[in-house]
Amino acid sequence: MQIPNFDQLLEASCHFGHLKRKWNPAMAPYIFMERNGIHIIDLYKTSAKLEEAANALKNIAKSGKKVLFVATKKQAKDVTRERAESVDMPFVIERWPGGMLTNFSTIRKAVKKMDTIDKMGTDGTMDNMSKREKLQLSRQRAKLEKNLGSIRTLSRLPSALFVVDVLKEHIAVAEANRLGIPVFGIVDTNSDPNNVDYVIPANDDASKSIDIILATVCEAIKEGLEERKVEQLDRPEAAEAEEGEATEERRPRRQRERVRKARPAAEAPKAEEAPKAEEAPKAEETPKAEE
């Protein structure tokens, strides 16, 4: 994983912020200076924060968890789709469906509806429908594909959220904060960094700036996925050896338990018969002593 240096970030226009009158005072620690009424972002802090976020995302990917990318602004759509698909991660680039995280079960029902329509087309159910019904289903399928097709593989809540513009995607950030999902975000000088767990101060309007940050982040995720594959290749042999040893150890233990459970039932009558055998001669001896 290679973190972009100062010159690379400068060339990608990551340092340009918004006008001074539009700034958010909470971004003051990340602003280097003001020039011609525009705030300039400190790229040294951008590089450090980007490295921190990349390492955290690498660990998330290594543990087999999903990261949801969110970028609905025009200049970030294509870049986000390309980068997210390269690491097989879900993404939202159209409209953020309200309650997608807080009401995730309803979103999953909509995705299952899309699967149901596909199944109807393959098993011949749609052949028995009228032309109008087929058209309605195809339109419904196209709408679902446009809005939810990119999260089709997301069977559970994501473990992290990566947002390109935290001000524009404030609803997504609010839902993630409510559920305790960590938020990674490209934060410009007009946004509030307090709601973001991993702040990457940079220009969130230029496509080059977005691309260089997403490329670094997705490269880290890719490394985490590769390390996970290597660990999984090594695990089966160790797991089989452990299972074999465990079964060998468990067998005698189970046999011992069965023997222990069977012993009291077998020994119980013997313990009762023993005192009867001892009492019998005593009963015979007492009358002899009286005679």
Protein backbone atom coordinates (compact mmCIF):
# COMPACT_ATOMS: atom_id res chain seq x y z
CA MET A 1 0.00 0.00 0.00
CA GLN A 2 1.50 3.28 -1.16
CA ILE A 3 0.24 6.50 0.39
CA PRO A 4 0.29 9.52 -1.98
CA ASN A 5 2.94 12.07 -1.07
CA PHE A 6 2.57 15.83 -0.88
CA ASP A 7 3.30 16.45 -4.56
CA GLN A 8 0.84 13.80 -5.76
CA LEU A 9 -1.93 15.22 -3.59
CA LEU A 10 -1.07 18.73 -4.77
CA GLU A 11 -1.22 17.67 -8.42
CA ALA A 12 -4.64 16.10 -7.84
CA SER A 13 -5.94 19.41 -6.40
CA CYS A 14 -6.65 17.92 -2.99
CA HIS A 15 -5.63 21.16 -1.30
CA PHE A 16 -8.44 23.38 -2.58
CA GLY A 17 -11.13 24.08 -0.02
CA HIS A 18 -14.26 26.21 -0.21
CA LEU A 19 -14.70 29.96 0.13
CA LYS A 20 -13.88 31.42 3.51
CA ARG A 21 -17.48 32.51 4.10
CA LYS A 22 -18.67 28.90 3.64
CA TRP A 23 -16.20 27.28 6.01
CA ASN A 24 -17.00 25.20 9.08
CA PRO A 25 -14.95 26.34 12.12
CA ALA A 26 -14.51 22.70 13.18
CA MET A 27 -12.22 22.24 10.16
CA ALA A 28 -9.75 24.85 11.44
CA PRO A 29 -7.10 22.25 12.50
CA TYR A 30 -6.90 20.98 8.92
CA ILE A 31 -6.67 24.37 7.16
CA PHE A 32 -3.19 25.57 6.23
CA MET A 33 -3.90 29.10 5.02
CA GLU A 34 -6.27 31.36 3.10
CA ARG A 35 -5.55 32.57 -0.41
CA ASN A 36 -7.80 34.82 -2.51
CA GLY A 37 -10.73 34.12 -0.18
CA ILE A 38 -10.33 30.34 -0.50
CA HIS A 39 -9.10 28.05 2.27
CA ILE A 40 -6.12 25.81 1.53
CA ILE A 41 -6.06 22.38 3.18
CA ASP A 42 -2.89 21.14 4.88
CA LEU A 43 -1.83 18.22 2.67
CA TYR A 44 0.58 16.83 5.25
CA LYS A 45 -2.38 16.21 7.53
CA THR A 46 -4.31 14.82 4.57
CA SER A 47 -1.57 12.27 3.91
CA ALA A 48 -1.37 11.25 7.57
CA LYS A 49 -5.14 10.90 7.94
CA LEU A 50 -5.37 8.98 4.67
CA GLU A 51 -2.79 6.49 5.89
CA GLU A 52 -4.66 6.04 9.17
CA ALA A 53 -7.96 5.43 7.37
CA ALA A 54 -6.36 3.04 4.85
CA ASN A 55 -4.87 0.89 7.63
CA ALA A 56 -8.22 0.72 9.43
CA LEU A 57 -10.05 -0.28 6.23
CA LYS A 58 -7.40 -2.90 5.53
CA ASN A 59 -8.08 -4.53 8.89
CA ILE A 60 -11.83 -4.45 8.26
CA ALA A 61 -11.41 -6.15 4.88
CA LYS A 62 -8.98 -8.67 6.37
CA SER A 63 -11.63 -9.72 8.89
CA GLY A 64 -14.05 -10.47 6.03
CA LYS A 65 -16.39 -7.54 6.63
CA LYS A 66 -18.03 -5.23 4.09
CA VAL A 67 -17.44 -1.51 3.50
CA LEU A 68 -20.27 0.48 1.92
CA PHE A 69 -19.17 3.32 -0.39
CA VAL A 70 -21.53 6.29 -0.70
CA ALA A 71 -21.13 8.99 -3.37
CA THR A 72 -24.24 10.43 -5.04
CA LYS A 73 -22.67 13.60 -6.44
CA LYS A 74 -22.18 13.66 -10.21
CA GLN A 75 -18.39 13.94 -10.34
CA ALA A 76 -17.90 11.05 -7.91
CA LYS A 77 -20.36 8.46 -9.27
CA ASP A 78 -18.28 6.80 -11.96
CA VAL A 79 -15.07 6.87 -9.92
CA THR A 80 -16.76 5.32 -6.90
CA ARG A 81 -18.43 2.59 -8.95
CA GLU A 82 -15.17 1.64 -10.64
CA ARG A 83 -13.14 1.55 -7.43
CA ALA A 84 -15.78 -0.26 -5.36
CA GLU A 85 -16.33 -2.93 -8.02
CA SER A 86 -12.57 -3.54 -8.21
CA VAL A 87 -12.62 -4.77 -4.59
CA ASP A 88 -16.13 -6.29 -4.75
CA MET A 89 -17.65 -3.90 -2.21
CA PRO A 90 -21.23 -2.53 -2.19
CA PHE A 91 -21.83 1.08 -3.14
CA VAL A 92 -24.60 3.68 -3.45
CA ILE A 93 -24.19 6.21 -6.26
CA GLU A 94 -27.79 7.14 -7.03
CA ARG A 95 -30.15 8.36 -4.34
CA TRP A 96 -29.55 7.37 -0.73
CA PRO A 97 -32.68 5.44 0.29
CA GLY A 98 -33.77 6.85 3.63
CA GLY A 99 -33.59 4.24 6.39
CA MET A 100 -31.25 2.02 4.43
CA LEU A 101 -29.24 1.26 7.56
CA THR A 102 -31.76 1.91 10.34
CA ASN A 103 -34.49 0.00 8.47
CA PHE A 104 -32.26 -2.52 6.73
CA SER A 105 -34.80 -5.36 6.82
CA THR A 106 -37.14 -3.40 4.51
CA ILE A 107 -34.30 -2.77 2.06
CA ARG A 108 -33.52 -6.48 2.04
CA LYS A 109 -37.16 -7.22 1.18
CA ALA A 110 -36.87 -4.93 -1.84
CA VAL A 111 -33.71 -6.74 -2.93
CA LYS A 112 -35.47 -10.10 -2.53
CA LYS A 113 -38.30 -8.73 -4.66
CA MET A 114 -35.78 -8.16 -7.41
CA ASP A 115 -34.56 -11.76 -7.05
CA THR A 116 -38.17 -12.97 -7.19
CA ILE A 117 -38.77 -11.15 -10.47
CA ASP A 118 -35.62 -12.69 -11.92
CA LYS A 119 -36.77 -16.13 -10.83
CA MET A 120 -40.17 -15.57 -12.46
CA GLY A 121 -38.42 -14.85 -15.73
CA THR A 122 -36.33 -18.02 -15.61
CA ASP A 123 -38.94 -20.55 -14.44
CA GLY A 124 -41.51 -19.51 -17.07
CA THR A 125 -43.97 -17.78 -14.75
CA MET A 126 -43.85 -14.56 -16.78
CA ASP A 127 -44.79 -16.45 -19.94
CA ASN A 128 -48.31 -16.88 -18.59
CA MET A 129 -48.70 -13.18 -17.80
CA SER A 130 -50.20 -10.52 -19.98
CA LYS A 131 -48.07 -8.02 -21.84
CA ARG A 132 -49.06 -5.26 -19.43
CA GLU A 133 -48.05 -7.28 -16.34
CA LYS A 134 -44.70 -8.12 -17.90
CA LEU A 135 -44.08 -4.44 -18.64
CA GLN A 136 -44.92 -3.44 -15.07
CA LEU A 137 -42.59 -6.06 -13.63
CA SER A 138 -39.77 -5.10 -15.98
CA ARG A 139 -40.12 -1.44 -15.00
CA GLN A 140 -40.17 -2.34 -11.31
CA ARG A 141 -37.11 -4.53 -11.83
CA ALA A 142 -35.24 -1.73 -13.63
CA LYS A 143 -36.03 0.74 -10.84
CA LEU A 144 -34.86 -1.66 -8.14
CA GLU A 145 -31.71 -2.44 -10.10
CA LYS A 146 -30.88 1.24 -10.44
CA ASN A 147 -31.30 2.05 -6.75
CA LEU A 148 -30.41 -1.22 -5.01
CA GLY A 149 -28.57 -3.34 -7.54
CA SER A 150 -25.18 -2.28 -6.21
CA ILE A 151 -26.01 -3.52 -2.68
CA ARG A 152 -27.45 -6.84 -3.82
CA THR A 153 -24.63 -8.78 -2.15
CA LEU A 154 -25.00 -6.89 1.12
CA SER A 155 -26.80 -9.48 3.24
CA ARG A 156 -26.17 -7.70 6.55
CA LEU A 157 -25.32 -4.24 7.83
CA PRO A 158 -21.92 -3.01 6.62
CA SER A 159 -19.07 -2.80 9.10
CA ALA A 160 -17.97 0.62 7.83
CA LEU A 161 -19.22 3.48 5.68
CA PHE A 162 -17.00 5.43 3.27
CA VAL A 163 -18.56 8.75 2.28
CA VAL A 164 -17.17 11.09 -0.38
CA ASP A 165 -19.06 14.24 0.67
CA VAL A 166 -20.21 14.07 4.30
CA LEU A 167 -22.25 17.27 3.97
CA LYS A 168 -24.28 16.01 1.01
CA GLU A 169 -24.63 12.51 2.51
CA HIS A 170 -25.55 13.75 5.99
CA ILE A 171 -28.50 11.32 6.20
CA ALA A 172 -26.22 8.32 5.61
CA VAL A 173 -23.74 9.63 8.18
CA ALA A 174 -26.53 10.18 10.73
CA GLU A 175 -27.84 6.62 10.27
CA ALA A 176 -24.35 5.17 10.64
CA ASN A 177 -23.74 7.22 13.81
CA ARG A 178 -27.04 6.03 15.25
CA LEU A 179 -26.09 2.37 14.71
CA GLY A 180 -22.48 2.79 15.81
CA ILE A 181 -21.05 2.04 12.36
CA PRO A 182 -17.65 3.74 11.86
CA VAL A 183 -17.67 6.44 9.17
CA PHE A 184 -14.74 7.16 6.85
CA GLY A 185 -15.14 10.35 4.86
CA ILE A 186 -13.54 12.88 2.57
CA VAL A 187 -14.23 16.09 4.48
CA ASP A 188 -13.98 19.50 2.83
CA THR A 189 -13.67 22.85 4.62
CA ASN A 190 -17.45 23.40 4.57
CA SER A 191 -18.28 20.12 6.36
CA ASP A 192 -18.46 19.04 9.99
CA PRO A 193 -15.76 16.48 10.89
CA ASN A 194 -17.21 15.75 14.33
CA ASN A 195 -19.60 13.11 12.99
CA VAL A 196 -16.86 11.28 11.08
CA ASP A 197 -14.68 8.69 12.81
CA TYR A 198 -11.85 8.77 10.24
CA VAL A 199 -11.53 12.23 8.70
CA ILE A 200 -9.66 12.64 5.40
CA PRO A 201 -9.41 16.42 4.85
CA ALA A 202 -9.38 17.00 1.10
CA ASN A 203 -11.22 18.52 -1.83
CA ASP A 204 -14.43 16.53 -2.34
CA ASP A 205 -15.46 18.32 -5.56
CA ALA A 206 -12.60 17.53 -7.97
CA SER A 207 -12.77 14.11 -9.62
CA LYS A 208 -8.96 13.77 -9.52
CA SER A 209 -8.91 14.38 -5.77
CA ILE A 210 -11.66 11.83 -5.20
CA ASP A 211 -9.97 9.30 -7.46
CA ILE A 212 -6.54 9.43 -5.79
CA ILE A 213 -8.07 8.97 -2.33
CA LEU A 214 -10.39 6.15 -3.40
CA ALA A 215 -7.52 4.45 -5.23
CA THR A 216 -5.42 4.44 -2.05
CA VAL A 217 -8.31 3.24 0.09
CA CYS A 218 -9.30 0.45 -2.31
CA GLU A 219 -5.69 -0.67 -2.63
CA ALA A 220 -5.57 -1.09 1.15
CA ILE A 221 -8.84 -3.06 1.07
CA LYS A 222 -7.43 -5.25 -1.70
CA GLU A 223 -4.37 -6.02 0.39
CA GLY A 224 -6.56 -6.93 3.33
CA LEU A 225 -8.60 -9.31 1.15
CA GLU A 226 -5.46 -10.96 -0.21
CA GLU A 227 -4.08 -11.48 3.29
CA ARG A 228 -7.40 -13.02 4.27
CA LYS A 229 -7.19 -15.47 1.35
CA VAL A 230 -3.69 -16.51 2.39
CA GLU A 231 -4.86 -17.13 5.95
CA GLN A 232 -7.83 -19.16 4.73
CA LEU A 233 -5.54 -21.36 2.62
CA ASP A 234 -3.43 -22.10 5.69
CA ARG A 235 -6.39 -22.61 8.03
CA PRO A 236 -7.97 -25.76 6.48
CA GLU A 237 -4.88 -27.92 7.08
CA ALA A 238 -4.52 -26.67 10.64
CA ALA A 239 -8.26 -26.98 11.20
CA GLU A 240 -8.29 -30.59 9.92
CA ALA A 241 -5.35 -31.50 12.16
CA GLU A 242 -7.06 -29.91 15.15
CA GLU A 243 -10.32 -31.71 14.38
CA GLY A 244 -8.51 -35.04 14.06
CA GLU A 245 -6.77 -34.58 17.38
CA ALA A 246 -9.98 -33.45 19.00
CA THR A 247 -11.92 -36.50 17.81
CA GLU A 248 -9.22 -38.84 19.07
CA GLU A 249 -9.28 -37.15 22.46
CA ARG A 250 -13.05 -37.08 22.64
CA ARG A 251 -13.58 -40.77 21.90
CA PRO A 252 -11.96 -42.19 25.04
CA ARG A 253 -13.56 -39.46 27.12
CA ARG A 254 -17.00 -40.39 25.84
CA GLN A 255 -16.32 -44.04 26.49
CA ARG A 256 -15.19 -43.22 30.00
CA GLU A 257 -18.33 -41.21 30.60
CA ARG A 258 -20.47 -44.09 29.41
CA VAL A 259 -18.63 -46.50 31.69
CA ARG A 260 -19.00 -44.13 34.63
CA LYS A 261 -22.71 -43.76 33.98
CA ALA A 262 -23.14 -47.52 33.68
CA ARG A 263 -21.16 -48.40 36.82
CA PRO A 264 -23.55 -47.11 39.51
CA ALA A 265 -26.49 -49.01 38.04
CA ALA A 266 -24.51 -52.27 37.93
CA GLU A 267 -22.91 -51.88 41.34
CA ALA A 268 -26.10 -50.81 43.13
CA PRO A 269 -27.61 -54.32 43.57
CA LYS A 270 -24.26 -55.73 44.69
CA ALA A 271 -24.07 -53.17 47.45
CA GLU A 272 -27.59 -54.15 48.60
CA GLU A 273 -26.88 -57.92 48.48
CA ALA A 274 -23.69 -57.63 50.52
CA PRO A 275 -25.32 -56.61 53.80
CA LYS A 276 -28.02 -59.30 53.41
CA ALA A 277 -25.39 -62.02 53.15
CA GLU A 278 -23.66 -60.71 56.28
CA GLU A 279 -26.92 -60.41 58.27
CA ALA A 280 -28.00 -64.00 57.53
CA PRO A 281 -25.38 -65.76 59.67
CA LYS A 282 -25.94 -63.32 62.54
CA ALA A 283 -29.62 -64.25 62.64
CA GLU A 284 -28.72 -67.99 62.83
CA GLU A 285 -26.09 -67.47 65.57
CA THR A 286 -28.40 -65.67 68.01
CA PRO A 287 -30.74 -68.63 68.68
CA LYS A 288 -27.72 -70.92 69.18
CA ALA A 289 -26.42 -68.58 71.89
CA GLU A 290 -29.85 -68.75 73.66
CA GLU A 291 -29.91 -72.58 73.55
